[in-house]
Protein backbone atom coordinates (compact mmCIF):
# COMPACT_ATOMS: atom_id res chain seq x y z
CA MET A 1 -22.89 46.33 14.06
CA SER A 2 -25.06 43.92 16.31
CA VAL A 3 -23.97 41.68 18.83
CA PHE A 4 -25.39 38.66 16.62
CA PHE A 5 -23.45 39.63 13.37
CA ARG A 6 -20.28 39.89 15.50
CA LEU A 7 -20.86 36.47 17.24
CA ARG A 8 -21.96 35.07 13.70
CA GLY A 9 -18.83 36.58 12.16
CA VAL A 10 -16.61 34.74 14.82
CA LEU A 11 -18.66 31.44 14.55
CA CYS A 12 -18.03 31.50 10.75
CA ALA A 13 -14.76 32.35 11.22
CA GLY A 14 -14.29 29.56 13.64
CA ALA A 15 -15.89 27.07 11.30
CA VAL A 16 -13.78 28.14 8.44
CA ALA A 17 -10.82 27.49 10.69
CA SER A 18 -11.82 24.16 12.07
CA GLU A 19 -12.47 23.08 8.47
CA GLY A 20 -8.65 24.20 7.69
CA GLY A 21 -7.58 22.43 10.67
CA LEU A 22 -9.59 19.25 9.74
CA ARG A 23 -8.13 19.00 6.14
CA ALA A 24 -4.44 19.57 7.60
CA HIS A 25 -5.49 16.76 10.14
CA ARG A 26 -6.60 14.56 7.19
CA ARG A 27 -3.56 15.12 5.13
CA THR A 28 -1.32 14.01 8.32
CA LEU A 29 -3.35 10.89 8.76
CA ALA A 30 -3.10 10.10 4.90
CA ALA A 31 0.66 10.83 5.06
CA ALA A 32 0.92 8.52 8.27
CA ARG A 33 -0.96 5.69 6.40
CA LEU A 34 1.05 5.97 3.48
CA ALA A 35 4.30 5.59 5.61
CA ARG A 36 2.84 2.53 7.29
CA PHE A 37 1.90 1.17 3.98
CA GLY A 38 5.42 1.63 2.88
CA ALA A 39 6.77 -0.14 6.00
CA SER A 40 4.23 -2.95 5.84
CA ALA A 41 5.24 -3.52 2.12
CA GLY A 42 8.86 -3.45 3.16
CA ALA A 43 8.77 -5.99 5.81
CA ALA A 44 6.61 -8.21 3.32
CA THR A 45 9.39 -7.83 0.72
CA LEU A 46 12.20 -8.70 2.90
CA LEU A 47 10.78 -11.74 4.36
CA HIS A 48 9.84 -12.66 0.46
CA TRP A 49 13.59 -12.26 0.07
CA ALA A 50 14.83 -14.06 2.91
CA VAL A 51 12.62 -17.12 2.36
CA MET A 52 13.65 -17.25 -1.29
CA ALA A 53 17.07 -16.94 -0.21
CA VAL A 54 17.02 -19.61 2.44
CA LEU A 55 15.12 -22.03 -0.26
CA ILE A 56 17.71 -21.47 -2.98
CA ALA A 57 20.34 -22.26 -0.39
CA MET A 58 18.55 -25.39 0.25
CA ASN A 59 18.85 -26.19 -3.51
CA TRP A 60 15.41 -25.05 -4.61
CA GLY A 61 14.75 -23.91 -8.06
CA VAL A 62 14.69 -20.16 -8.54
CA VAL A 63 11.08 -20.21 -9.64
CA PRO A 64 9.59 -22.20 -6.55
CA ALA A 65 11.68 -20.41 -3.99
CA SER A 66 10.47 -16.83 -5.53
CA THR A 67 7.03 -18.37 -5.49
CA THR A 68 7.20 -19.53 -1.58
CA GLY A 69 8.77 -16.40 -0.61
CA ALA A 70 5.93 -14.18 -2.45
CA VAL A 71 3.16 -16.36 -0.69
CA ALA A 72 5.10 -15.77 2.71
CA GLY A 73 5.23 -11.93 2.10
CA SER A 74 1.85 -11.77 0.90
CA ALA A 75 0.41 -13.22 4.03
CA LEU A 76 2.64 -10.75 6.27
CA ASN A 77 1.73 -7.99 4.03
CA TYR A 78 -2.04 -8.91 4.65
CA LEU A 79 -1.74 -8.89 8.50
CA LEU A 80 0.21 -5.64 8.44
CA GLN A 81 -1.79 -3.79 5.98
CA SER A 82 -5.38 -4.82 7.35
CA ARG A 83 -4.40 -4.25 11.17
CA TRP A 84 -1.63 -1.34 11.20
CA THR A 85 -1.91 0.52 7.90
CA PHE A 86 -5.63 0.34 7.35
CA ASN A 87 -6.99 -0.44 10.64
CA ALA A 88 -9.69 -2.45 8.72
CA PRO A 89 -12.61 -3.59 10.84
CA GLN A 90 -13.61 -6.56 8.34
CA PRO A 91 -10.70 -7.13 5.67
CA ARG A 92 -11.97 -9.24 2.75
CA TRP A 93 -9.45 -12.16 2.04
CA LEU A 94 -10.86 -12.84 -1.35
CA ALA A 95 -10.53 -9.14 -2.44
CA TYR A 96 -7.06 -9.24 -1.19
CA ILE A 97 -6.07 -12.37 -3.22
CA PHE A 98 -7.61 -10.91 -6.18
CA VAL A 99 -5.59 -7.48 -5.73
CA VAL A 100 -2.52 -9.65 -5.12
CA LEU A 101 -3.19 -11.79 -8.50
CA ILE A 102 -3.50 -8.12 -10.32
CA GLY A 103 -0.20 -7.06 -8.78
CA TRP A 104 1.99 -10.15 -9.73
CA SER A 105 0.38 -9.94 -13.16
CA THR A 106 1.09 -6.27 -13.58
CA ASN A 107 4.68 -6.61 -12.18
CA ALA A 108 5.38 -9.51 -14.69
CA ALA A 109 4.18 -7.51 -17.47
CA ILE A 110 5.89 -4.27 -16.90
CA VAL A 111 9.13 -6.04 -16.30
CA ARG A 112 8.78 -7.89 -19.64
CA ILE A 113 7.87 -4.68 -21.47
CA LEU A 114 10.71 -2.57 -19.84
CA VAL A 115 13.15 -5.43 -20.15
CA ALA A 116 12.63 -7.35 -23.40
CA PHE A 117 11.22 -4.16 -25.56
CA ALA A 118 12.36 -0.96 -23.82
CA GLY A 119 16.01 -2.15 -23.27
CA PHE A 120 15.88 -1.61 -19.33
CA GLY A 121 18.18 -3.61 -17.26
CA CYS A 122 16.61 -6.29 -14.84
CA ALA A 123 16.98 -4.39 -11.92
CA LEU A 124 15.76 -0.91 -13.20
CA GLY A 125 12.79 -2.76 -14.89
CA GLN A 126 11.84 -4.21 -11.47
CA PHE A 127 12.45 -1.11 -9.78
CA CYS A 128 9.81 0.72 -12.09
CA ALA A 129 7.53 -2.13 -11.98
CA THR A 130 7.42 -2.27 -8.23
CA ALA A 131 6.92 1.49 -7.93
CA CYS A 132 3.80 1.08 -10.25
CA VAL A 133 2.66 -1.96 -8.47
CA ALA A 134 2.91 -0.36 -5.09
CA LEU A 135 0.82 2.74 -6.11
CA LEU A 136 -2.01 0.33 -7.71
CA ASN A 137 -1.91 -1.93 -4.52
CA TYR A 138 -2.23 1.04 -2.49
CA ALA A 139 -5.33 2.38 -4.38
CA PHE A 140 -6.92 -1.23 -4.42
CA TYR A 141 -6.26 -1.84 -0.72
CA GLN A 142 -7.73 1.38 0.31
CA ARG A 143 -10.91 1.14 -1.93
CA LEU A 144 -11.65 -2.63 -2.27
CA VAL A 145 -9.93 -4.80 0.35
CA PHE A 146 -9.68 -2.89 3.64
CA HIS A 147 -12.25 -0.48 4.95
CA GLU A 148 -10.47 1.73 7.51
CA ARG A 149 -12.18 2.18 10.69
CA THR A 150 -12.84 5.85 11.63
CA HIS A 151 -12.31 7.02 15.23
């Protein structure tokens, strides 16, 4: 076998190895992004509930308190998702607001269906709705709202 064919075989093997390494690196980045998404969403949820609890303690009604908390949580979520999770160069506010409205509507519909028609308890229905909306939000954030910078 000539030197050319041996070198070509090494180069091809190296290319295959580096493709496998690239795939593994992409999976690692995706897992890290998903963890950041969860942490950001968790922080936003905590803020939502904290604001709601304070306002209820100040004798606000549940719906206005929850709505105000949701707005505060959504604002924090936008900041964390755009800068930390997706590293977006120019996140789009209108697209984000659209996705948030879809998420709120989907959440309400799922909770209503599971609690009123499927007989789920409130906590289980909300847990299922939250999981569904989180998956939906991640897909929409990645595709429509935040266009991640690549380094």
